[in-house]
Amino acid sequence: MQAAIEDLFDNKPEQYTPDHFALFARFKAALNSGEIRAAEPDPAEASGWRVNGWVKKGVLIGFRIGGIVDMSINPVRQPFLDKSTYPVRQVTPADGIRIVPGGSSIRDGCYVGRGVTCMPPMYINAGAYVGAGTMVDSHALIGSCAQIGVNCHISAASQIGGVLEPVGALPVIVEDEVLVGGNCGVYEGTVVKKQAVLGTGTILNRSTPVYDLVRGEVYRATEDQPLVIPEGAVVIAGSRAVTSGHGKDWGVSIYTPVIVKYRDEKTGARIQLEDLLR
């Protein structure tokens, strides 16, 4: 499948044939089942993750070959028009996924594990991977190709960015048992290691350094490596003073994420999800 997807991506035909659509259907089914994913754990990589560029190419092929069709339940009162290749994903009770009524959508071509809870309204985009037992809370977004681990909590109004292009770029990674607090944003070039906690309003991206007050380190993304939040880190929104020029004269501070502690039993007791909610 990989060779066929890469050939179709690199050599665009004059017209797409039934065989091309059949190839994409097999590819999308493999995404839905979790057989393939846009990135996967790899201990050989400094970040612990390897991007599968060919999978991202396959997701892009879906946009290229699909035509715009009417997907409306009621085309007069609430029209929906989108690519024919990416309808809303079909979910049955056998999948073990809770989609609470109220306007949520899961786009076809993404993996959603058993025990995932979707609180309305939330959105999971094509190419994403959401591990078992995770809660995606109200107004939360899981972007295209984002990778979310098991037993995470993506809190209300949080945004997990999608990195579909360039195909060689590592998508946003949130590992197992991470709490992403309300109104957080985790964007391009970021890996959040397992059991980390992001406090309300924390914003992470490859342009923002993170100051570790516990270990005395400053974490930054580089040209070829993402920003990596250490395992068990508790990160909050902070600020640092501008030390030169007008910023210093005016007493200006700029936003920066700050690691204030590392997860312990007390932290775990405060943030755990009650089993009754699952």
Protein backbone atom coordinates (compact mmCIF):
# COMPACT_ATOMS: atom_id res chain seq x y z
CA MET A 1 0.00 0.00 0.00
CA GLN A 2 2.80 2.45 0.84
CA ALA A 3 4.38 2.18 -2.60
CA ALA A 4 1.02 2.60 -4.34
CA ILE A 5 0.12 5.66 -2.25
CA GLU A 6 3.47 7.32 -2.85
CA ASP A 7 3.29 6.65 -6.59
CA LEU A 8 -0.20 8.12 -6.82
CA PHE A 9 0.84 11.18 -4.81
CA ASP A 10 3.99 11.84 -6.81
CA ASN A 11 2.52 11.05 -10.26
CA LYS A 12 -0.86 12.72 -10.53
CA PRO A 13 -2.89 11.04 -13.31
CA GLU A 14 -5.01 12.93 -15.80
CA GLN A 15 -8.07 11.14 -14.42
CA TYR A 16 -8.65 9.07 -11.31
CA THR A 17 -9.85 5.54 -11.94
CA PRO A 18 -11.96 3.15 -9.84
CA ASP A 19 -8.70 1.45 -8.84
CA HIS A 20 -7.45 4.72 -7.36
CA PHE A 21 -10.62 5.16 -5.34
CA ALA A 22 -10.41 1.54 -4.19
CA LEU A 23 -6.81 2.13 -3.06
CA PHE A 24 -7.86 5.17 -1.06
CA ALA A 25 -10.77 3.26 0.49
CA ARG A 26 -8.34 0.56 1.70
CA PHE A 27 -5.99 3.24 3.00
CA LYS A 28 -8.79 5.00 4.90
CA ALA A 29 -9.98 1.73 6.40
CA ALA A 30 -6.45 1.12 7.68
CA LEU A 31 -6.47 4.58 9.28
CA ASN A 32 -9.82 3.89 10.94
CA SER A 33 -8.58 0.60 12.38
CA GLY A 34 -5.29 2.04 13.64
CA GLU A 35 -3.31 -0.32 11.41
CA ILE A 36 -1.44 2.68 10.01
CA ARG A 37 -0.89 6.13 11.51
CA ALA A 38 0.77 9.40 10.59
CA ALA A 39 3.42 8.99 13.30
CA GLU A 40 4.44 6.18 15.61
CA PRO A 41 6.73 5.62 18.59
CA ASP A 42 10.38 5.04 17.68
CA PRO A 43 13.03 4.86 20.44
CA ALA A 44 15.72 5.54 17.83
CA GLU A 45 14.44 9.10 17.35
CA ALA A 46 15.44 11.86 19.78
CA SER A 47 11.79 12.83 20.25
CA GLY A 48 10.75 9.19 20.62
CA TRP A 49 8.56 9.44 17.50
CA ARG A 50 8.89 8.87 13.77
CA VAL A 51 6.74 10.56 11.15
CA ASN A 52 5.22 8.35 8.43
CA GLY A 53 5.22 10.79 5.55
CA TRP A 54 3.53 8.36 3.18
CA VAL A 55 0.48 8.22 5.45
CA LYS A 56 0.18 12.00 5.35
CA LYS A 57 0.46 11.78 1.57
CA GLY A 58 -2.46 9.36 1.60
CA VAL A 59 -4.58 11.78 3.64
CA LEU A 60 -3.80 14.52 1.13
CA ILE A 61 -4.72 12.24 -1.77
CA GLY A 62 -8.20 12.00 -0.28
CA PHE A 63 -8.65 15.76 -0.65
CA ARG A 64 -7.23 15.65 -4.16
CA ILE A 65 -9.49 12.93 -5.55
CA GLY A 66 -12.73 13.77 -3.75
CA GLY A 67 -15.43 15.95 -5.24
CA ILE A 68 -17.70 18.29 -3.29
CA VAL A 69 -21.00 16.60 -2.47
CA ASP A 70 -24.08 17.44 -0.43
CA MET A 71 -23.85 15.69 2.95
CA SER A 72 -26.78 17.55 4.50
CA ILE A 73 -29.30 15.87 6.75
CA ASN A 74 -31.57 18.76 5.85
CA PRO A 75 -30.12 20.79 2.93
CA VAL A 76 -32.48 23.71 3.53
CA ARG A 77 -32.19 24.19 7.27
CA GLN A 78 -28.57 23.09 7.75
CA PRO A 79 -26.54 22.41 4.59
CA PHE A 80 -23.22 20.53 4.72
CA LEU A 81 -21.00 20.34 1.65
CA ASP A 82 -17.64 18.56 1.76
CA LYS A 83 -15.29 16.24 -0.10
CA SER A 84 -16.94 12.94 -0.96
CA THR A 85 -13.89 11.09 0.36
CA TYR A 86 -14.26 12.46 3.90
CA PRO A 87 -17.79 11.99 5.22
CA VAL A 88 -18.56 11.76 8.92
CA ARG A 89 -17.16 8.51 10.25
CA GLN A 90 -19.64 5.72 10.85
CA VAL A 91 -19.64 4.52 14.48
CA THR A 92 -21.63 1.65 16.00
CA PRO A 93 -22.15 0.57 19.63
CA ALA A 94 -19.70 -2.27 19.00
CA ASP A 95 -16.90 0.30 18.62
CA GLY A 96 -17.24 1.20 22.31
CA ILE A 97 -17.05 4.95 21.64
CA ARG A 98 -19.31 7.41 23.47
CA ILE A 99 -20.46 10.33 21.33
CA VAL A 100 -22.69 12.37 23.61
CA PRO A 101 -25.51 14.12 21.67
CA GLY A 102 -25.00 17.78 20.88
CA GLY A 103 -23.17 18.47 17.64
CA SER A 104 -19.83 16.61 17.64
CA SER A 105 -18.15 15.25 14.51
CA ILE A 106 -15.53 12.61 13.81
CA ARG A 107 -14.27 12.74 10.25
CA ASP A 108 -13.71 9.48 8.41
CA GLY A 109 -10.10 8.33 8.22
CA CYS A 110 -9.02 8.55 11.85
CA TYR A 111 -8.54 6.08 14.68
CA VAL A 112 -10.66 6.46 17.82
CA GLY A 113 -10.01 3.81 20.46
CA ARG A 114 -12.47 1.97 22.67
CA GLY A 115 -13.69 3.87 25.68
CA VAL A 116 -13.11 7.30 24.13
CA THR A 117 -15.70 9.83 25.33
CA CYS A 118 -16.67 12.70 23.04
CA MET A 119 -18.42 15.59 24.81
CA PRO A 120 -20.36 17.97 22.58
CA PRO A 121 -19.44 19.87 20.60
CA MET A 122 -15.98 18.55 19.70
CA TYR A 123 -14.20 17.63 16.46
CA ILE A 124 -11.67 14.99 15.41
CA ASN A 125 -10.14 15.50 11.96
CA ALA A 126 -8.96 13.03 9.33
CA GLY A 127 -5.62 11.34 9.99
CA ALA A 128 -5.82 11.76 13.77
CA TYR A 129 -5.21 8.96 16.28
CA VAL A 130 -6.99 9.03 19.67
CA GLY A 131 -6.05 6.29 22.11
CA ALA A 132 -8.40 4.20 24.22
CA GLY A 133 -10.03 5.74 27.27
CA THR A 134 -9.32 9.34 26.32
CA MET A 135 -11.89 12.08 26.95
CA VAL A 136 -12.29 14.81 24.33
CA ASP A 137 -14.23 17.52 26.10
CA SER A 138 -16.61 20.21 24.87
CA HIS A 139 -15.33 22.63 22.19
CA ALA A 140 -12.05 20.69 21.91
CA LEU A 141 -10.35 20.06 18.56
CA ILE A 142 -8.07 17.21 17.55
CA GLY A 143 -6.38 18.37 14.35
CA SER A 144 -5.50 16.35 11.28
CA CYS A 145 -2.79 13.72 11.95
CA ALA A 146 -2.46 14.65 15.66
CA GLN A 147 -1.55 11.65 17.83
CA ILE A 148 -3.23 11.36 21.24
CA GLY A 149 -2.35 8.59 23.67
CA VAL A 150 -4.47 6.44 25.96
CA ASN A 151 -6.35 7.77 29.00
CA CYS A 152 -5.73 11.41 28.18
CA HIS A 153 -8.08 14.27 29.03
CA ILE A 154 -8.34 16.95 26.37
CA SER A 155 -10.25 19.53 28.38
CA ALA A 156 -12.90 21.99 27.25
CA ALA A 157 -11.93 24.48 24.51
CA SER A 158 -8.45 22.99 24.06
CA GLN A 159 -6.89 22.87 20.61
CA ILE A 160 -4.54 20.12 19.48
CA GLY A 161 -3.18 21.43 16.21
CA GLY A 162 -3.02 19.46 13.00
CA VAL A 163 0.18 19.17 10.95
CA LEU A 164 -0.71 17.72 7.58
CA GLU A 165 1.81 19.64 5.51
CA PRO A 166 4.68 19.46 4.91
CA VAL A 167 4.41 15.71 4.78
CA GLY A 168 7.79 15.24 6.45
CA ALA A 169 6.89 17.31 9.51
CA LEU A 170 6.11 15.49 12.74
CA PRO A 171 2.50 16.04 13.77
CA VAL A 172 1.54 17.16 17.27
CA ILE A 173 2.07 14.32 19.75
CA VAL A 174 0.34 13.97 23.13
CA GLU A 175 1.43 10.77 24.83
CA ASP A 176 -0.41 8.53 27.32
CA GLU A 177 -2.19 9.82 30.44
CA VAL A 178 -1.65 13.50 29.70
CA LEU A 179 -4.03 16.15 31.03
CA VAL A 180 -4.47 19.08 28.67
CA GLY A 181 -6.27 21.73 30.70
CA GLY A 182 -9.04 24.01 29.52
CA ASN A 183 -8.27 26.59 26.81
CA CYS A 184 -4.84 25.12 26.12
CA GLY A 185 -3.26 25.10 22.67
CA VAL A 186 -0.70 22.51 21.55
CA TYR A 187 0.51 23.33 18.07
CA GLU A 188 3.09 22.47 15.43
CA GLY A 189 6.44 21.07 16.48
CA THR A 190 5.43 19.85 19.94
CA VAL A 191 5.67 16.50 21.72
CA VAL A 192 4.08 16.22 25.17
CA LYS A 193 5.48 13.17 26.94
CA LYS A 194 3.37 10.82 29.03
CA GLN A 195 1.70 11.88 32.29
CA ALA A 196 2.46 15.56 31.74
CA VAL A 197 -0.08 18.13 32.92
CA LEU A 198 -0.80 21.36 31.04
CA GLY A 199 -2.47 23.92 33.25
CA THR A 200 -5.35 26.06 32.03
CA GLY A 201 -4.42 28.39 29.20
CA THR A 202 -1.00 26.92 28.43
CA ILE A 203 0.13 27.45 24.83
CA LEU A 204 2.90 25.32 23.33
CA ASN A 205 4.47 25.57 19.88
CA ARG A 206 7.89 25.30 18.29
CA SER A 207 8.52 29.05 18.63
CA THR A 208 8.05 29.32 22.41
CA PRO A 209 10.75 28.23 24.90
CA VAL A 210 9.65 26.41 28.05
CA TYR A 211 11.40 27.24 31.34
CA ASP A 212 11.86 24.36 33.80
CA LEU A 213 12.08 25.87 37.27
CA VAL A 214 12.66 22.45 38.83
CA ARG A 215 15.59 21.22 36.73
CA GLY A 216 16.97 24.59 35.67
CA GLU A 217 16.59 23.81 31.97
CA VAL A 218 15.14 25.70 29.02
CA TYR A 219 13.47 23.55 26.36
CA ARG A 220 13.30 24.76 22.77
CA ALA A 221 12.52 23.30 19.39
CA THR A 222 15.38 23.24 16.90
CA GLU A 223 15.40 23.18 13.12
CA ASP A 224 15.22 19.38 13.08
CA GLN A 225 13.74 18.54 16.50
CA PRO A 226 10.36 19.42 18.07
CA LEU A 227 9.73 21.02 21.42
CA VAL A 228 9.57 18.15 23.92
CA ILE A 229 7.77 18.53 27.25
CA PRO A 230 9.33 16.03 29.70
CA GLU A 231 7.45 13.11 31.19
CA GLY A 232 5.36 14.07 34.20
CA ALA A 233 6.02 17.81 33.89
CA VAL A 234 3.38 20.19 35.25
CA VAL A 235 3.32 23.20 32.93
CA ILE A 236 1.50 26.46 33.56
CA ALA A 237 1.16 29.73 31.67
CA GLY A 238 3.79 32.19 32.89
CA SER A 239 5.73 35.24 31.79
CA ARG A 240 9.28 36.54 31.64
CA ALA A 241 10.51 40.10 31.73
CA VAL A 242 11.91 41.82 28.65
CA THR A 243 15.46 42.75 29.64
CA SER A 244 16.45 45.28 26.99
CA GLY A 245 15.21 48.19 24.94
CA HIS A 246 11.75 49.71 25.25
CA GLY A 247 10.37 46.51 26.73
CA LYS A 248 12.69 46.87 29.73
CA ASP A 249 11.95 50.59 30.05
CA TRP A 250 8.21 49.99 30.01
CA GLY A 251 8.28 47.00 32.35
CA VAL A 252 6.90 44.66 29.68
CA SER A 253 6.72 40.88 30.16
CA ILE A 254 6.01 38.29 27.48
CA TYR A 255 4.22 34.96 27.70
CA THR A 256 6.15 31.77 28.31
CA PRO A 257 5.18 28.30 29.57
CA VAL A 258 6.81 27.35 32.88
CA ILE A 259 7.34 23.92 34.46
CA VAL A 260 6.65 24.43 38.16
CA LYS A 261 6.78 20.82 39.40
CA TYR A 262 6.68 17.18 38.31
CA ARG A 263 3.68 14.97 38.73
CA ASP A 264 3.29 13.20 42.08
CA GLU A 265 0.56 11.34 43.95
CA LYS A 266 -1.10 14.57 45.02
CA THR A 267 -1.22 15.81 41.44
CA GLY A 268 -2.63 12.51 40.23
CA ALA A 269 -5.39 12.55 42.84
CA ARG A 270 -6.48 16.03 41.76
CA ILE A 271 -6.69 15.38 38.04
CA GLN A 272 -7.86 11.79 37.74
CA LEU A 273 -11.07 11.12 35.88
CA GLU A 274 -13.69 9.29 37.89
CA ASP A 275 -14.40 5.84 36.49
CA LEU A 276 -18.10 6.64 36.73
CA LEU A 277 -17.68 9.27 33.99
CA ARG A 278 -16.41 6.67 31.54
